[in-house]
């Protein structure tokens, strides 16, 4: 039976979502492809229709997770009153909710130590996403009127 493109896209997203959650909560090394796919009710072999290998999944899961955090920061900035955008982001980042649930929290805090042992491509994907987050923080500083904010 052939599946349409939307089905393949939806399955790929389910794999990414589960991997993102499990990598942050358990660590990259602790998550195997076979048990990840089994948790989703999918076969191990089906993984390779969506990703080249585990390293490809790690890079994409990290990017997705960091983009999600960046989007949360941008939402905090939009809701913040003028002059308190950085404070709003910091309060969100340092909240008990963020601290106590690493599976939805900061990727850098939970995975940076492990990522140092991954391929240059994976580290580069992580670094690019981290640079985007830094740009968001710089934007918050600029919007707050901080003249010392980096360009």
N, C-alpha and C. Protein backbone atom coordinates (compact mmCIF):
# COMPACT_ATOMS: atom_id res chain seq x y z
N UNK A 1 0.83 -1.18 0.00
CA UNK A 1 0.00 0.00 0.00
C UNK A 1 0.88 1.25 0.00
N UNK A 2 0.61 2.16 -0.92
CA UNK A 2 1.37 3.40 -1.01
C UNK A 2 0.67 4.49 -0.20
N UNK A 3 1.48 5.28 0.47
CA UNK A 3 0.96 6.39 1.26
C UNK A 3 1.21 7.70 0.52
N UNK A 4 0.36 8.67 0.75
CA UNK A 4 0.55 9.97 0.10
C UNK A 4 1.65 10.75 0.81
N UNK A 5 2.05 11.86 0.19
CA UNK A 5 3.15 12.67 0.71
C UNK A 5 2.84 13.24 2.10
N UNK A 6 1.59 13.62 2.35
CA UNK A 6 1.23 14.16 3.65
C UNK A 6 1.42 13.13 4.76
N UNK A 7 1.12 11.87 4.44
CA UNK A 7 1.29 10.81 5.44
C UNK A 7 2.78 10.68 5.80
N UNK A 8 3.63 10.67 4.79
CA UNK A 8 5.07 10.56 5.04
C UNK A 8 5.57 11.75 5.85
N UNK A 9 5.09 12.94 5.52
CA UNK A 9 5.48 14.14 6.25
C UNK A 9 5.02 14.07 7.70
N UNK A 10 3.80 13.58 7.92
CA UNK A 10 3.27 13.47 9.28
C UNK A 10 4.05 12.46 10.10
N UNK A 11 4.41 11.33 9.50
CA UNK A 11 5.20 10.30 10.22
C UNK A 11 6.58 10.86 10.56
N UNK A 12 7.19 11.53 9.61
CA UNK A 12 8.51 12.13 9.84
C UNK A 12 8.45 13.11 11.02
N UNK A 13 7.39 13.92 11.04
CA UNK A 13 7.24 14.89 12.13
C UNK A 13 7.02 14.18 13.46
N UNK A 14 6.28 13.11 13.48
CA UNK A 14 6.08 12.35 14.72
C UNK A 14 7.41 11.81 15.23
N UNK A 15 8.25 11.31 14.32
CA UNK A 15 9.56 10.79 14.72
C UNK A 15 10.41 11.92 15.30
N UNK A 16 10.43 13.06 14.62
CA UNK A 16 11.20 14.21 15.10
C UNK A 16 10.71 14.68 16.46
N UNK A 17 9.40 14.77 16.63
CA UNK A 17 8.84 15.23 17.91
C UNK A 17 9.23 14.29 19.05
N UNK A 18 9.10 12.98 18.81
CA UNK A 18 9.43 12.02 19.86
C UNK A 18 10.94 12.03 20.15
N UNK A 19 11.75 12.11 19.11
CA UNK A 19 13.20 12.14 19.30
C UNK A 19 13.61 13.39 20.06
N UNK A 20 13.02 14.53 19.71
CA UNK A 20 13.34 15.78 20.39
C UNK A 20 13.05 15.67 21.88
N UNK A 21 11.89 15.15 22.20
CA UNK A 21 11.50 14.97 23.60
C UNK A 21 12.43 13.98 24.31
N UNK A 22 12.67 12.83 23.69
CA UNK A 22 13.47 11.80 24.36
C UNK A 22 14.94 12.17 24.46
N UNK A 23 15.51 12.80 23.45
CA UNK A 23 16.91 13.22 23.53
C UNK A 23 17.09 14.17 24.70
N UNK A 24 16.18 15.12 24.86
CA UNK A 24 16.31 16.09 25.95
C UNK A 24 16.08 15.45 27.31
N UNK A 25 15.17 14.49 27.39
CA UNK A 25 14.87 13.91 28.71
C UNK A 25 15.81 12.76 29.08
N UNK A 26 16.31 12.00 28.10
CA UNK A 26 17.12 10.82 28.39
C UNK A 26 18.58 10.96 27.96
N UNK A 27 18.85 11.85 27.03
CA UNK A 27 20.18 11.97 26.45
C UNK A 27 20.21 11.27 25.11
N UNK A 28 21.05 11.73 24.24
CA UNK A 28 21.13 11.20 22.88
C UNK A 28 21.58 9.74 22.87
N UNK A 29 22.63 9.44 23.62
CA UNK A 29 23.19 8.09 23.61
C UNK A 29 22.20 7.05 24.12
N UNK A 30 21.30 7.44 25.02
CA UNK A 30 20.36 6.49 25.62
C UNK A 30 19.20 6.13 24.70
N UNK A 31 19.01 6.88 23.64
CA UNK A 31 17.87 6.66 22.74
C UNK A 31 18.34 5.89 21.51
N UNK A 32 17.81 4.70 21.34
CA UNK A 32 18.11 3.90 20.16
C UNK A 32 17.02 4.04 19.12
N UNK A 33 17.38 3.86 17.87
CA UNK A 33 16.41 3.96 16.78
C UNK A 33 15.30 2.92 16.95
N UNK A 34 15.66 1.70 17.28
CA UNK A 34 14.65 0.64 17.39
C UNK A 34 13.62 0.95 18.47
N UNK A 35 14.07 1.39 19.66
CA UNK A 35 13.09 1.67 20.71
C UNK A 35 12.33 2.96 20.45
N UNK A 36 12.94 3.93 19.80
CA UNK A 36 12.24 5.16 19.42
C UNK A 36 11.09 4.83 18.47
N UNK A 37 11.39 4.04 17.45
CA UNK A 37 10.37 3.68 16.47
C UNK A 37 9.29 2.81 17.10
N UNK A 38 9.69 1.90 17.98
CA UNK A 38 8.70 1.04 18.65
C UNK A 38 7.75 1.87 19.50
N UNK A 39 8.26 2.90 20.15
CA UNK A 39 7.42 3.79 20.95
C UNK A 39 6.35 4.47 20.10
N UNK A 40 6.64 4.63 18.83
CA UNK A 40 5.71 5.28 17.91
C UNK A 40 4.83 4.27 17.18
N UNK A 41 5.05 2.97 17.45
CA UNK A 41 4.29 1.93 16.76
C UNK A 41 4.74 1.74 15.33
N UNK A 42 6.01 2.08 15.07
CA UNK A 42 6.57 1.97 13.73
C UNK A 42 7.72 0.98 13.72
N UNK A 43 8.11 0.56 12.54
CA UNK A 43 9.21 -0.40 12.42
C UNK A 43 10.55 0.31 12.35
N UNK A 44 11.56 -0.38 12.79
CA UNK A 44 12.93 0.13 12.75
C UNK A 44 13.33 0.48 11.32
N UNK A 45 13.01 -0.39 10.40
CA UNK A 45 13.39 -0.16 8.99
C UNK A 45 12.73 1.06 8.40
N UNK A 46 11.54 1.41 8.87
CA UNK A 46 10.83 2.58 8.36
C UNK A 46 11.54 3.89 8.66
N UNK A 47 12.39 3.87 9.66
CA UNK A 47 13.14 5.07 10.04
C UNK A 47 13.93 5.61 8.84
N UNK A 48 14.50 4.71 8.06
CA UNK A 48 15.41 5.10 6.98
C UNK A 48 14.69 5.68 5.77
N UNK A 49 13.37 5.68 5.76
CA UNK A 49 12.61 6.39 4.74
C UNK A 49 12.60 7.89 5.04
N UNK A 50 12.91 8.23 6.28
CA UNK A 50 12.79 9.61 6.73
C UNK A 50 14.13 10.28 7.06
N UNK A 51 15.09 9.49 7.50
CA UNK A 51 16.38 10.04 7.93
C UNK A 51 17.51 9.14 7.42
N UNK A 52 18.64 9.78 7.12
CA UNK A 52 19.79 9.03 6.63
C UNK A 52 20.32 8.08 7.69
N UNK A 53 20.42 8.58 8.92
CA UNK A 53 20.93 7.79 10.04
C UNK A 53 20.59 8.52 11.33
N UNK A 54 21.01 7.99 12.45
CA UNK A 54 20.70 8.62 13.73
C UNK A 54 21.32 10.01 13.82
N UNK A 55 22.48 10.18 13.28
CA UNK A 55 23.15 11.49 13.32
C UNK A 55 22.32 12.56 12.61
N UNK A 56 21.71 12.18 11.49
CA UNK A 56 20.81 13.08 10.76
C UNK A 56 19.62 13.45 11.64
N UNK A 57 19.06 12.46 12.33
CA UNK A 57 17.94 12.70 13.24
C UNK A 57 18.36 13.62 14.38
N UNK A 58 19.53 13.40 14.95
CA UNK A 58 20.01 14.23 16.06
C UNK A 58 20.11 15.69 15.62
N UNK A 59 20.72 15.92 14.47
CA UNK A 59 20.89 17.30 13.98
C UNK A 59 19.54 17.96 13.77
N UNK A 60 18.62 17.25 13.13
CA UNK A 60 17.31 17.85 12.85
C UNK A 60 16.47 18.02 14.10
N UNK A 61 16.58 17.09 15.03
CA UNK A 61 15.83 17.20 16.29
C UNK A 61 16.34 18.38 17.11
N UNK A 62 17.65 18.57 17.14
CA UNK A 62 18.22 19.71 17.86
C UNK A 62 17.77 21.02 17.23
N UNK A 63 17.81 21.09 15.91
CA UNK A 63 17.37 22.30 15.24
C UNK A 63 15.90 22.59 15.56
N UNK A 64 15.07 21.57 15.48
CA UNK A 64 13.64 21.76 15.75
C UNK A 64 13.42 22.23 17.19
N UNK A 65 14.11 21.60 18.13
CA UNK A 65 13.94 21.97 19.53
C UNK A 65 14.40 23.40 19.80
N UNK A 66 15.52 23.77 19.21
CA UNK A 66 16.03 25.12 19.43
C UNK A 66 15.17 26.16 18.75
N UNK A 67 14.60 25.82 17.60
CA UNK A 67 13.68 26.75 16.94
C UNK A 67 12.43 26.94 17.79
N UNK A 68 11.98 25.88 18.42
CA UNK A 68 10.83 25.95 19.30
C UNK A 68 11.10 26.89 20.48
N UNK A 69 12.27 26.76 21.09
CA UNK A 69 12.64 27.63 22.21
C UNK A 69 12.73 29.08 21.71
N UNK A 70 13.32 29.28 20.55
CA UNK A 70 13.43 30.63 19.99
C UNK A 70 12.04 31.22 19.75
N UNK A 71 11.12 30.42 19.26
CA UNK A 71 9.75 30.90 19.04
C UNK A 71 9.09 31.27 20.38
N UNK A 72 9.36 30.48 21.42
CA UNK A 72 8.83 30.81 22.74
C UNK A 72 9.37 32.16 23.21
N UNK A 73 10.66 32.38 22.99
CA UNK A 73 11.26 33.65 23.38
C UNK A 73 10.62 34.81 22.61
N UNK A 74 10.42 34.62 21.33
CA UNK A 74 9.82 35.68 20.52
C UNK A 74 8.39 35.97 20.98
N UNK A 75 7.66 34.94 21.37
CA UNK A 75 6.32 35.14 21.91
C UNK A 75 6.38 35.93 23.22
N UNK A 76 7.35 35.58 24.07
CA UNK A 76 7.51 36.31 25.33
C UNK A 76 7.81 37.78 25.04
N UNK A 77 8.62 38.03 24.03
CA UNK A 77 8.97 39.41 23.68
C UNK A 77 7.74 40.18 23.18
N UNK A 78 6.89 39.52 22.40
CA UNK A 78 5.70 40.17 21.88
C UNK A 78 4.72 40.53 23.00
N UNK A 79 4.65 39.68 24.01
CA UNK A 79 3.72 39.91 25.12
C UNK A 79 4.25 40.90 26.15
N UNK A 80 5.56 41.12 26.13
CA UNK A 80 6.19 41.97 27.15
C UNK A 80 5.88 43.44 26.91
N UNK A 81 5.87 44.17 28.00
CA UNK A 81 5.70 45.61 27.89
C UNK A 81 6.99 46.24 27.37
N UNK A 82 6.89 47.40 26.75
CA UNK A 82 8.10 48.06 26.24
C UNK A 82 9.15 48.22 27.34
N UNK A 83 10.38 47.91 27.00
CA UNK A 83 11.48 48.04 27.94
C UNK A 83 11.72 46.82 28.81
N UNK A 84 10.86 45.79 28.70
CA UNK A 84 11.03 44.60 29.55
C UNK A 84 11.10 43.30 28.76
N UNK A 85 11.49 43.38 27.52
CA UNK A 85 11.54 42.19 26.66
C UNK A 85 12.59 41.18 27.14
N UNK A 86 13.79 41.67 27.45
CA UNK A 86 14.83 40.75 27.97
C UNK A 86 14.41 40.15 29.30
N UNK A 87 13.83 40.95 30.15
CA UNK A 87 13.38 40.44 31.44
C UNK A 87 12.33 39.37 31.26
N UNK A 88 11.42 39.56 30.32
CA UNK A 88 10.37 38.57 30.06
C UNK A 88 10.97 37.25 29.58
N UNK A 89 11.92 37.34 28.67
CA UNK A 89 12.59 36.13 28.17
C UNK A 89 13.34 35.44 29.32
N UNK A 90 14.05 36.22 30.11
CA UNK A 90 14.82 35.65 31.23
C UNK A 90 13.90 34.99 32.25
N UNK A 91 12.78 35.63 32.57
CA UNK A 91 11.85 35.04 33.53
C UNK A 91 11.26 33.73 33.00
N UNK A 92 10.97 33.71 31.71
CA UNK A 92 10.46 32.46 31.10
C UNK A 92 11.55 31.38 31.16
N UNK A 93 12.75 31.74 30.77
CA UNK A 93 13.85 30.77 30.72
C UNK A 93 14.18 30.23 32.11
N UNK A 94 14.13 31.07 33.11
CA UNK A 94 14.50 30.67 34.47
C UNK A 94 13.31 30.21 35.31
N UNK A 95 12.17 30.02 34.67
CA UNK A 95 10.97 29.60 35.41
C UNK A 95 11.11 28.17 35.93
N UNK A 96 10.35 27.87 36.96
CA UNK A 96 10.35 26.52 37.53
C UNK A 96 9.87 25.52 36.48
N UNK A 97 8.86 25.88 35.71
CA UNK A 97 8.34 25.01 34.65
C UNK A 97 9.46 24.64 33.67
N UNK A 98 10.22 25.63 33.25
CA UNK A 98 11.31 25.40 32.29
C UNK A 98 12.41 24.55 32.92
N UNK A 99 12.71 24.84 34.16
CA UNK A 99 13.77 24.13 34.88
C UNK A 99 13.42 22.68 35.14
N UNK A 100 12.20 22.43 35.56
CA UNK A 100 11.81 21.10 36.02
C UNK A 100 11.39 20.13 34.92
N UNK A 101 11.28 20.60 33.70
CA UNK A 101 10.87 19.74 32.60
C UNK A 101 11.88 19.84 31.45
N UNK A 102 13.02 19.17 31.60
CA UNK A 102 14.07 19.27 30.58
C UNK A 102 13.64 18.74 29.21
N UNK A 103 12.63 17.88 29.18
CA UNK A 103 12.19 17.35 27.89
C UNK A 103 11.53 18.41 27.02
N UNK A 104 11.16 19.54 27.59
CA UNK A 104 10.62 20.65 26.81
C UNK A 104 11.44 21.92 27.03
N UNK A 105 12.54 21.82 27.73
CA UNK A 105 13.34 22.99 28.08
C UNK A 105 14.47 23.26 27.10
N UNK A 106 15.51 23.84 27.62
CA UNK A 106 16.64 24.30 26.83
C UNK A 106 17.49 23.15 26.31
N UNK A 107 17.64 23.11 25.01
CA UNK A 107 18.44 22.08 24.37
C UNK A 107 19.91 22.25 24.71
N UNK A 108 20.36 23.49 24.74
CA UNK A 108 21.77 23.74 25.04
C UNK A 108 22.12 23.22 26.43
N UNK A 109 21.23 23.45 27.39
CA UNK A 109 21.51 23.00 28.76
C UNK A 109 21.50 21.48 28.88
N UNK A 110 20.63 20.83 28.14
CA UNK A 110 20.51 19.38 28.30
C UNK A 110 21.44 18.58 27.39
N UNK A 111 21.80 19.11 26.23
CA UNK A 111 22.53 18.29 25.25
C UNK A 111 23.90 18.79 24.83
N UNK A 112 24.29 19.98 25.23
CA UNK A 112 25.56 20.53 24.75
C UNK A 112 26.75 19.61 25.04
N UNK A 113 26.78 19.01 26.21
CA UNK A 113 27.89 18.11 26.55
C UNK A 113 27.97 16.92 25.62
N UNK A 114 26.84 16.36 25.28
CA UNK A 114 26.82 15.21 24.36
C UNK A 114 27.13 15.62 22.93
N UNK A 115 26.64 16.77 22.52
CA UNK A 115 26.81 17.20 21.13
C UNK A 115 28.27 17.42 20.77
N UNK A 116 29.09 17.69 21.76
CA UNK A 116 30.51 17.90 21.49
C UNK A 116 31.17 16.64 20.93
N UNK A 117 30.53 15.50 21.10
CA UNK A 117 31.09 14.24 20.60
C UNK A 117 30.41 13.77 19.31
N UNK A 118 29.62 14.65 18.70
CA UNK A 118 28.94 14.28 17.46
C UNK A 118 29.66 14.87 16.27
N UNK A 119 29.16 14.60 15.08
CA UNK A 119 29.83 15.00 13.85
C UNK A 119 29.87 16.52 13.70
N UNK A 120 30.81 16.99 12.90
CA UNK A 120 30.87 18.44 12.65
C UNK A 120 29.55 18.98 12.08
N UNK A 121 28.88 18.23 11.24
CA UNK A 121 27.60 18.70 10.66
C UNK A 121 26.55 18.88 11.75
N UNK A 122 26.49 17.97 12.70
CA UNK A 122 25.53 18.07 13.79
C UNK A 122 25.89 19.25 14.69
N UNK A 123 27.16 19.40 15.00
CA UNK A 123 27.59 20.53 15.83
C UNK A 123 27.32 21.86 15.12
N UNK A 124 27.52 21.87 13.82
CA UNK A 124 27.28 23.09 13.04
C UNK A 124 25.78 23.44 13.05
N UNK A 125 24.91 22.45 12.92
CA UNK A 125 23.46 22.70 12.98
C UNK A 125 23.08 23.26 14.34
N UNK A 126 23.65 22.69 15.39
CA UNK A 126 23.40 23.18 16.75
C UNK A 126 23.88 24.61 16.90
N UNK A 127 25.08 24.89 16.43
CA UNK A 127 25.67 26.23 16.55
C UNK A 127 24.83 27.26 15.79
N UNK A 128 24.39 26.91 14.59
CA UNK A 128 23.56 27.84 13.82
C UNK A 128 22.27 28.17 14.56
N UNK A 129 21.67 27.17 15.17
CA UNK A 129 20.43 27.40 15.93
C UNK A 129 20.71 28.23 17.18
N UNK A 130 21.84 27.99 17.83
CA UNK A 130 22.21 28.77 19.01
C UNK A 130 22.47 30.23 18.62
N UNK A 131 23.09 30.44 17.47
CA UNK A 131 23.33 31.80 17.01
C UNK A 131 22.02 32.53 16.74
N UNK A 132 21.01 31.81 16.26
CA UNK A 132 19.69 32.42 16.06
C UNK A 132 19.10 32.85 17.40
N UNK A 133 19.26 32.01 18.41
CA UNK A 133 18.75 32.38 19.74
C UNK A 133 19.48 33.61 20.27
N UNK A 134 20.77 33.69 20.06
CA UNK A 134 21.53 34.86 20.49
C UNK A 134 21.07 36.12 19.75
N UNK A 135 20.74 35.95 18.48
CA UNK A 135 20.22 37.08 17.71
C UNK A 135 18.87 37.54 18.27
N UNK A 136 18.06 36.60 18.72
CA UNK A 136 16.78 36.95 19.33
C UNK A 136 17.01 37.74 20.62
N UNK A 137 17.97 37.30 21.43
CA UNK A 137 18.28 38.03 22.66
C UNK A 137 18.84 39.43 22.35
N UNK A 138 19.65 39.52 21.31
CA UNK A 138 20.19 40.83 20.92
C UNK A 138 19.05 41.74 20.45
N UNK A 139 18.09 41.17 19.76
CA UNK A 139 16.93 41.94 19.31
C UNK A 139 16.12 42.44 20.51
N UNK A 140 15.98 41.58 21.51
CA UNK A 140 15.26 41.99 22.73
C UNK A 140 15.98 43.16 23.39
N UNK A 141 17.30 43.09 23.46
CA UNK A 141 18.08 44.17 24.08
C UNK A 141 17.91 45.46 23.28
N UNK A 142 17.95 45.33 21.97
CA UNK A 142 17.79 46.50 21.11
C UNK A 142 16.40 47.10 21.28
N UNK A 143 15.38 46.26 21.32
CA UNK A 143 14.01 46.75 21.49
C UNK A 143 13.81 47.38 22.86
N UNK A 144 14.57 46.91 23.84
CA UNK A 144 14.50 47.49 25.18
C UNK A 144 15.24 48.82 25.26
N UNK A 145 15.96 49.17 24.18
CA UNK A 145 16.66 50.45 24.16
C UNK A 145 18.05 50.38 24.74
N UNK A 146 18.63 49.18 24.81
CA UNK A 146 19.97 49.01 25.35
C UNK A 146 20.99 49.43 24.30
N UNK A 147 21.67 50.52 24.52
CA UNK A 147 22.63 51.02 23.54
C UNK A 147 23.90 50.16 23.48
N UNK A 148 24.10 49.29 24.48
CA UNK A 148 25.26 48.40 24.48
C UNK A 148 24.98 47.07 23.82
N UNK A 149 23.78 46.89 23.29
CA UNK A 149 23.42 45.62 22.65
C UNK A 149 24.29 45.40 21.42
N UNK A 150 24.76 44.16 21.22
CA UNK A 150 25.58 43.90 20.04
C UNK A 150 24.75 44.08 18.77
N UNK A 151 25.40 44.45 17.67
CA UNK A 151 24.66 44.69 16.41
C UNK A 151 24.09 43.42 15.85
